[in-house]
Protein backbone atom coordinates (compact mmCIF):
# COMPACT_ATOMS: atom_id res chain seq x y z
CA MET A 1 0.03 -0.06 -0.13
CA ARG A 2 2.72 2.41 1.02
CA ALA A 3 4.58 1.89 -2.37
CA GLY A 4 1.38 2.61 -4.22
CA VAL A 5 0.57 5.81 -2.40
CA GLY A 6 4.23 6.73 -3.19
CA LYS A 7 3.78 6.33 -6.71
CA ARG A 8 0.52 8.20 -6.75
CA TRP A 9 2.11 10.89 -5.05
CA LEU A 10 4.92 11.08 -7.37
CA LEU A 11 2.32 11.02 -10.39
CA LEU A 12 0.09 13.93 -8.72
CA VAL A 13 2.71 16.11 -7.79
CA GLY A 14 6.00 15.16 -9.53
CA ILE A 15 4.61 15.15 -12.98
CA PRO A 16 2.78 18.73 -12.57
CA ALA A 17 5.93 20.20 -11.01
CA LEU A 18 7.91 19.11 -14.21
CA VAL A 19 5.22 20.84 -16.41
CA VAL A 20 5.46 24.07 -14.57
CA LEU A 21 9.13 23.78 -14.45
CA ALA A 22 9.43 23.19 -18.30
CA ALA A 23 6.81 25.95 -18.88
CA PHE A 24 8.65 28.47 -16.75
CA ALA A 25 12.00 27.48 -18.76
CA SER A 26 10.23 27.91 -21.91
CA TYR A 27 9.03 31.34 -20.91
CA TRP A 28 12.32 32.46 -19.64
CA HIS A 29 14.22 31.69 -22.66
CA THR A 30 11.51 33.06 -25.12
CA ALA A 31 10.54 36.29 -23.31
CA SER A 32 12.25 39.71 -23.54
CA PRO A 33 15.16 40.31 -21.32
CA GLU A 34 13.00 43.26 -19.70
CA ASN A 35 10.76 40.57 -18.24
CA THR A 36 13.54 38.12 -17.18
CA CYS A 37 17.20 38.72 -16.65
CA VAL A 38 16.83 42.73 -16.41
CA ARG A 39 14.56 42.38 -13.40
CA CYS A 40 17.62 41.94 -11.41
CA HIS A 41 18.68 45.50 -10.74
CA GLU A 42 22.29 44.27 -11.10
CA ILE A 43 21.75 43.52 -14.61
CA GLN A 44 20.16 46.62 -15.79
CA PRO A 45 23.52 48.76 -16.29
CA SER A 46 24.78 45.95 -18.63
CA HIS A 47 21.35 45.90 -20.53
CA GLU A 48 21.25 49.56 -21.05
CA LEU A 49 24.81 49.31 -22.82
CA TRP A 50 23.61 46.20 -24.63
CA MET A 51 20.56 48.24 -25.89
CA GLN A 52 22.84 50.73 -27.40
CA SER A 53 25.42 48.32 -28.78
CA ALA A 54 25.71 46.40 -32.18
CA HIS A 55 24.89 43.10 -30.40
CA ARG A 56 21.25 44.25 -29.38
CA GLY A 57 20.09 42.04 -32.11
CA ALA A 58 21.49 38.95 -30.32
CA LYS A 59 19.65 37.42 -27.29
CA CYS A 60 21.45 37.38 -23.90
CA ASP A 61 21.85 33.56 -23.92
CA ALA A 62 23.60 33.77 -27.28
CA CYS A 63 26.69 34.93 -25.78
CA HIS A 64 25.99 34.15 -22.07
CA GLY A 65 24.50 30.67 -22.58
CA SER A 66 21.30 29.59 -20.76
CA ALA A 67 20.79 28.59 -17.08
CA VAL A 68 21.18 25.07 -17.77
CA SER A 69 23.74 25.11 -20.78
CA ASN A 70 26.81 24.17 -18.67
CA GLY A 71 24.91 21.48 -16.69
CA PHE A 72 25.25 21.27 -12.97
CA HIS A 73 27.86 23.91 -13.07
CA SER A 74 25.19 26.67 -14.46
CA LEU A 75 22.78 25.37 -11.95
CA TRP A 76 25.22 25.73 -9.02
CA GLU A 77 26.63 29.31 -10.21
CA ASN A 78 22.83 30.39 -10.59
CA SER A 79 21.99 29.13 -7.31
CA ARG A 80 24.85 31.00 -5.69
CA ARG A 81 23.86 34.09 -7.29
CA ALA A 82 20.34 33.80 -6.02
CA VAL A 83 21.41 33.39 -2.45
CA ARG A 84 24.03 36.31 -2.75
CA HIS A 85 21.31 38.59 -3.91
CA PHE A 86 19.66 38.37 -0.73
CA SER A 87 22.53 38.31 1.46
CA GLU A 88 24.69 41.56 2.65
CA GLU A 89 27.78 40.67 0.42
CA ARG A 90 28.09 43.30 -2.15
CA HIS A 91 26.84 41.83 -5.60
CA ASP A 92 26.13 44.83 -7.73
CA ASP A 93 29.40 44.60 -9.75
CA ILE A 94 28.92 41.54 -11.66
CA ARG A 95 31.83 40.42 -13.87
CA LEU A 96 32.75 37.48 -15.95
CA SER A 97 35.05 34.89 -14.60
CA GLU A 98 38.19 33.98 -16.71
CA GLU A 99 36.47 30.56 -17.33
CA GLN A 100 33.33 32.48 -18.67
CA VAL A 101 35.81 34.65 -20.84
CA VAL A 102 37.43 31.51 -22.49
CA GLU A 103 34.06 30.32 -23.15
CA MET A 104 33.11 33.60 -25.09
CA VAL A 105 35.77 32.96 -27.64
CA ASP A 106 33.80 29.98 -28.99
CA ARG A 107 30.50 31.96 -28.69
CA CYS A 108 32.15 34.77 -30.68
CA LYS A 109 33.31 32.35 -33.36
CA GLY A 110 29.74 31.39 -33.97
CA CYS A 111 29.00 34.83 -35.74
CA HIS A 112 32.33 35.92 -36.46
CA GLU A 113 34.08 32.99 -38.21
CA ARG A 114 36.44 34.96 -40.39
CA GLU A 115 37.55 37.09 -37.55
CA PHE A 116 38.23 34.13 -35.47
CA ALA A 117 40.11 32.24 -38.21
CA ALA A 118 42.49 35.51 -38.85
CA TRP A 119 42.89 35.77 -34.86
CA PHE A 120 43.71 31.98 -34.67
CA SER A 121 46.33 32.15 -37.25
CA SER A 122 48.08 35.36 -35.51
CA GLY A 123 50.48 35.80 -32.66
CA HIS A 124 47.61 37.08 -30.59
CA SER A 125 46.10 33.36 -30.19
CA MET A 126 48.97 32.24 -28.21
CA ARG A 127 48.34 30.11 -25.12
CA TYR A 128 49.71 30.32 -21.47
CA ALA A 129 51.75 27.81 -21.97
CA ASP A 130 53.20 29.44 -25.21
CA PHE A 131 54.84 32.29 -23.40
CA LEU A 132 55.26 31.12 -19.73
CA LEU A 133 57.28 28.03 -20.78
CA ASN A 134 59.28 29.68 -23.86
CA LYS A 135 62.78 29.00 -22.79
CA GLU A 136 64.64 31.42 -24.84
CA HIS A 137 62.35 34.55 -23.77
CA ASN A 138 62.46 33.27 -20.25
CA ARG A 139 66.40 33.17 -20.25
CA THR A 140 66.40 36.59 -21.50
CA GLU A 141 63.73 38.30 -19.61
CA GLN A 142 62.80 36.98 -16.02
CA ILE A 143 59.03 36.22 -15.97
CA ASN A 144 57.10 38.78 -13.72
CA ALA A 145 53.86 40.00 -12.54
CA ASP A 146 53.78 42.46 -15.55
CA CYS A 147 53.43 39.64 -17.88
CA LEU A 148 49.84 39.25 -17.02
CA ARG A 149 49.36 43.04 -18.06
CA CYS A 150 49.42 41.84 -21.58
CA HIS A 151 49.20 37.98 -21.47
CA GLY A 152 46.57 36.70 -19.05
CA MET A 153 44.70 39.94 -18.32
CA PHE A 154 41.60 37.88 -17.13
CA PHE A 155 43.64 35.54 -15.02
CA GLU A 156 42.37 35.37 -11.27
CA GLY A 157 45.46 34.99 -9.34
CA ARG A 158 49.29 36.07 -9.49
CA ILE A 159 52.08 34.94 -11.60
CA GLU A 160 53.18 32.77 -9.05
CA ASP A 161 50.07 30.59 -9.04
CA LEU A 162 50.60 29.86 -12.72
CA VAL A 163 54.45 28.92 -13.38
CA GLU A 164 57.36 28.10 -11.52
CA PRO A 165 60.31 28.93 -10.87
CA ILE A 166 60.33 32.67 -11.24
CA ASN A 167 64.02 33.06 -12.49
CA THR A 168 66.10 33.13 -15.89
CA LYS A 169 67.33 29.39 -15.02
CA GLY A 170 64.33 27.04 -15.40
CA PRO A 171 63.31 24.49 -16.25
CA TRP A 172 59.82 26.01 -16.07
CA LYS A 173 56.65 24.01 -15.50
CA MET A 174 52.99 25.27 -15.19
CA LEU A 175 51.37 24.91 -11.71
CA LYS A 176 47.89 25.20 -13.12
CA THR A 177 48.24 22.68 -16.04
CA GLU A 178 44.80 23.15 -17.23
CA HIS A 179 45.74 26.93 -18.26
CA GLY A 180 48.28 25.91 -20.46
CA GLU A 181 45.76 25.42 -23.57
CA LYS A 182 43.91 28.46 -22.64
CA PRO A 183 43.92 31.52 -24.93
CA ALA A 184 46.25 34.19 -23.25
CA ILE A 185 44.70 37.01 -25.31
CA PRO A 186 40.99 36.29 -25.96
CA CYS A 187 38.49 38.25 -27.77
CA LEU A 188 37.57 40.43 -24.91
CA VAL A 189 40.78 41.62 -24.24
CA CYS A 190 40.39 44.22 -27.28
CA HIS A 191 36.67 44.25 -27.60
CA GLU A 192 33.95 45.16 -25.16
CA ILE A 193 30.88 43.28 -26.17
CA HIS A 194 28.38 45.73 -24.65
CA LYS A 195 30.24 48.70 -26.00
CA THR A 196 28.12 51.44 -27.60
CA GLY A 197 27.81 51.06 -31.37
CA LYS A 198 25.65 50.64 -34.22
CA PRO A 199 24.92 47.87 -36.94
CA ALA A 200 25.95 48.54 -40.40
CA ALA A 201 23.22 50.11 -42.62
CA ARG A 202 22.68 50.66 -46.09
CA PRO A 203 23.68 54.14 -47.52
CA ASP A 204 21.32 56.61 -48.94
CA TYR A 205 20.86 55.66 -52.65
CA THR A 206 18.80 58.78 -53.61
CA SER A 207 22.22 60.11 -54.59
CA PRO A 208 24.17 57.08 -55.68
CA LYS A 209 27.30 59.38 -56.52
CA MET A 210 27.44 60.43 -52.87
CA ALA A 211 26.58 57.07 -51.41
CA ALA A 212 29.85 56.44 -50.24
CA ALA A 213 30.78 60.22 -49.43
CA LYS A 214 28.04 60.71 -47.09
CA ARG A 215 28.03 57.60 -45.31
CA PRO A 216 28.61 57.93 -41.86
CA GLY A 217 31.78 56.93 -40.14
CA ARG A 218 31.52 53.81 -37.91
CA PRO A 219 33.42 53.98 -34.52
CA LEU A 220 36.41 51.64 -34.25
CA PRO A 221 35.03 48.72 -32.09
CA VAL A 222 37.96 48.28 -30.03
CA SER A 223 38.82 48.91 -26.36
CA PHE A 224 41.56 47.78 -24.05
CA TYR A 225 40.88 45.68 -20.85
CA ASP A 226 42.97 46.90 -18.07
CA ARG A 227 43.83 44.03 -15.68
CA ASN A 228 44.57 46.49 -12.71
CA GLU A 229 41.44 48.33 -13.11
CA ALA A 230 39.33 45.37 -14.00
CA ARG A 231 37.47 47.36 -16.77
CA HIS A 232 37.51 48.20 -20.50
CA PHE A 233 38.44 51.51 -21.84
CA GLU A 234 37.52 52.62 -25.25
CA ALA A 235 40.43 53.29 -27.67
CA ALA A 236 39.14 56.82 -28.15
CA VAL A 237 39.95 57.70 -24.61
CA LEU A 238 43.39 56.07 -24.60
CA PRO A 239 46.24 58.75 -24.68
CA ARG A 240 48.13 59.23 -27.85
CA PRO A 241 51.68 58.42 -27.20
CA ARG A 242 54.45 60.91 -27.34
CA ILE A 243 57.49 59.21 -28.51
CA SER A 244 60.90 60.38 -29.13
CA VAL A 245 64.21 59.76 -30.78
CA GLU A 246 67.25 61.50 -29.50
CA GLY A 247 65.51 64.06 -27.87
CA LYS A 248 63.13 64.82 -31.00
CA GLU A 249 59.48 64.04 -30.89
CA LEU A 250 58.23 61.77 -33.52
CA VAL A 251 55.25 62.35 -35.43
CA VAL A 252 52.85 59.61 -34.29
CA SER A 253 49.75 58.43 -36.22
CA ALA A 254 46.43 60.08 -35.12
CA ASP A 255 44.83 56.63 -35.78
CA VAL A 256 42.61 55.67 -32.74
CA GLY A 257 43.37 52.13 -33.06
CA GLN A 258 47.04 52.39 -32.64
CA ARG A 259 46.40 53.64 -29.10
CA LEU A 260 45.12 50.15 -28.49
CA CYS A 261 48.23 48.80 -29.97
CA VAL A 262 50.77 50.72 -27.63
CA GLN A 263 49.13 49.57 -24.64
CA CYS A 264 51.19 46.03 -25.06
CA HIS A 265 53.67 47.05 -27.94
CA ALA A 266 54.92 49.79 -25.60
CA ASN A 267 58.30 51.41 -24.76
CA VAL A 268 59.85 52.21 -21.23
CA ALA A 269 58.79 54.87 -19.00
CA ASN A 270 60.82 57.92 -20.60
CA GLN A 271 59.36 56.81 -24.05
CA PRO A 272 62.28 56.71 -26.44
CA ALA A 273 61.47 55.00 -29.77
CA GLY A 274 62.30 51.39 -30.28
CA VAL A 275 62.82 50.21 -26.61
CA GLY A 276 60.75 47.62 -24.90
CA ASP A 277 58.53 46.27 -27.28
CA ASP A 278 57.66 49.59 -29.21
CA ARG A 279 57.33 49.41 -32.83
CA THR A 280 56.16 52.95 -33.54
CA PRO A 281 57.15 53.68 -37.14
CA ARG A 282 60.13 55.99 -37.59
CA GLY A 283 62.54 56.76 -40.56
CA VAL A 284 60.77 56.47 -43.80
CA HIS A 285 57.62 55.22 -42.39
CA GLU A 286 57.19 57.92 -39.50
CA GLY A 287 53.72 58.94 -39.08
CA LEU A 288 52.20 55.59 -40.41
CA SER A 289 49.65 53.63 -38.42
CA CYS A 290 49.89 50.05 -37.34
CA SER A 291 46.84 49.40 -39.58
CA SER A 292 48.63 50.80 -42.51
CA CYS A 293 50.38 47.60 -42.76
CA HIS A 294 48.77 45.12 -40.69
CA ALA A 295 45.55 43.47 -41.20
CA ALA A 296 42.88 43.52 -38.40
CA HIS A 297 42.86 40.29 -36.20
CA SER A 298 45.43 38.50 -38.59
CA MET A 299 48.20 41.09 -37.74
CA ASP A 300 49.18 39.88 -41.31
CA ALA A 301 51.62 42.56 -43.33
CA ARG A 302 52.14 40.67 -46.36
CA GLY A 303 51.54 42.47 -49.47
CA SER A 304 51.41 45.65 -47.55
CA CYS A 305 54.28 47.43 -49.08
CA GLN A 306 52.37 47.55 -52.34
CA ARG A 307 49.64 49.51 -51.01
CA CYS A 308 51.85 52.60 -50.87
CA HIS A 309 54.59 51.55 -53.18
CA PRO A 310 52.68 49.81 -56.07
CA LYS A 311 56.02 48.26 -57.38
CA MET A 312 59.09 50.36 -57.12
CA SER A 313 60.42 52.38 -54.15
CA ASN A 314 61.45 56.16 -54.75
CA CYS A 315 64.91 54.90 -55.90
CA GLY A 316 63.45 52.64 -58.38
CA LEU A 317 63.93 49.28 -56.40
CA ASP A 318 61.55 46.73 -55.68
CA VAL A 319 60.72 47.40 -51.91
CA GLU A 320 59.86 43.87 -51.29
CA LYS A 321 63.16 42.63 -52.11
CA MET A 322 65.28 45.24 -50.25
CA ASN A 323 67.17 43.86 -47.30
CA THR A 324 64.74 44.83 -44.54
CA THR A 325 62.91 42.38 -42.04
CA TYR A 326 59.80 42.32 -44.38
CA LEU A 327 62.19 40.32 -46.68
CA ASP A 328 64.10 38.43 -43.94
CA PRO A 329 63.23 38.53 -40.08
CA GLU A 330 66.91 38.37 -39.49
CA SER A 331 67.84 41.71 -41.28
CA ALA A 332 69.31 44.46 -39.37
CA GLN A 333 67.16 46.91 -41.07
CA ASN A 334 63.82 46.83 -39.10
CA ILE A 335 61.11 47.63 -41.16
CA HIS A 336 59.37 49.67 -38.58
CA PHE A 337 62.56 51.84 -38.01
CA VAL A 338 64.45 51.72 -41.51
CA ALA A 339 65.62 55.29 -42.94
CA CYS A 340 67.07 55.87 -46.10
CA THR A 341 70.62 56.14 -44.96
CA ASP A 342 70.39 52.76 -43.09
CA CYS A 343 71.02 51.41 -46.64
CA HIS A 344 72.46 54.33 -48.52
CA GLN A 345 75.31 55.49 -46.20
CA ALA A 346 77.15 56.93 -48.81
CA GLY A 347 74.04 59.21 -49.63
CA VAL A 348 70.71 58.53 -51.44
CA PRO A 349 71.47 58.04 -55.06
CA GLU A 350 69.15 59.85 -57.74
CA LYS A 351 65.85 58.18 -58.73
CA LYS A 352 66.34 55.83 -61.72
CA ARG A 353 64.27 57.15 -64.71
CA LEU A 354 61.69 54.52 -65.29
CA THR A 355 60.92 54.07 -69.11
CA THR A 356 58.27 52.02 -71.16
CA ASP A 357 58.45 50.68 -74.59
CA ASN A 358 55.92 52.26 -77.01
């Protein structure tokens, strides 16, 4: 009798409960965010930014996943968040964990396949193990806390928690082996997803000749995630660097995107050109922007010479065959810094006259 009562109780209570739960889940994933996620006041600031962003056509779960998309992990995290909501612990500053940031890479790939492929083939797709276990680099420059400023911005810990020993002798090993394969420079380093922006739009075709000329410019969708501040800064508010050579200030490109590049490809504190990891163009390329030669995401610079030099240089030589680091990475003539006198130490020859046969 007791077994029969238990089964009847399960049928009478359990099945209706599952139906109610399924109905609630269905409503939660089909209703507008205003009626679900945003009812929590902690989410409202992010929602307001999302409503102004180019991603406002994407539903919340497209990037953040659903309440059950990660199985027990999601259920546990959401349960903890609900408990914290009613606790005295401060909880109005919601941030993605590094694990969630890494998961975002695959979600970005879902819509941005071309950009992902370009990033994956670039130097920016390095993993933690690629830079922390690099013997040649580690013997030249000791691993230190500042490494995480550009590699591992979202890591929740210290450099000592990742690798040992912290010296130039080695041998080095990962303390958190699961981090070895994680991307050290994921998408969110340079892209703030909720950043204000507008989707692409068709131009005004009523005046075809002016369709391109009158097309409004789109803000560059890049920003820099500062590890110390734990927040993004739009590229437009980043400072334009002042860099000098032997006391003379260089002409630095006004390109907003370059302000992002120099956050990591930076010089030392007193800002002379070419020190640290600085690659600000000088010499014959002074004033050019990084993006003048490097493609977005892939950083590929192949074929970039011909954008400005269709075939020949000012001295009548094929620029792609000159002895620079463009031709050979081991060349003494760094393409970022090369000057005419680096190759023409006896003086710049007169330009050869090019002739064509009629």
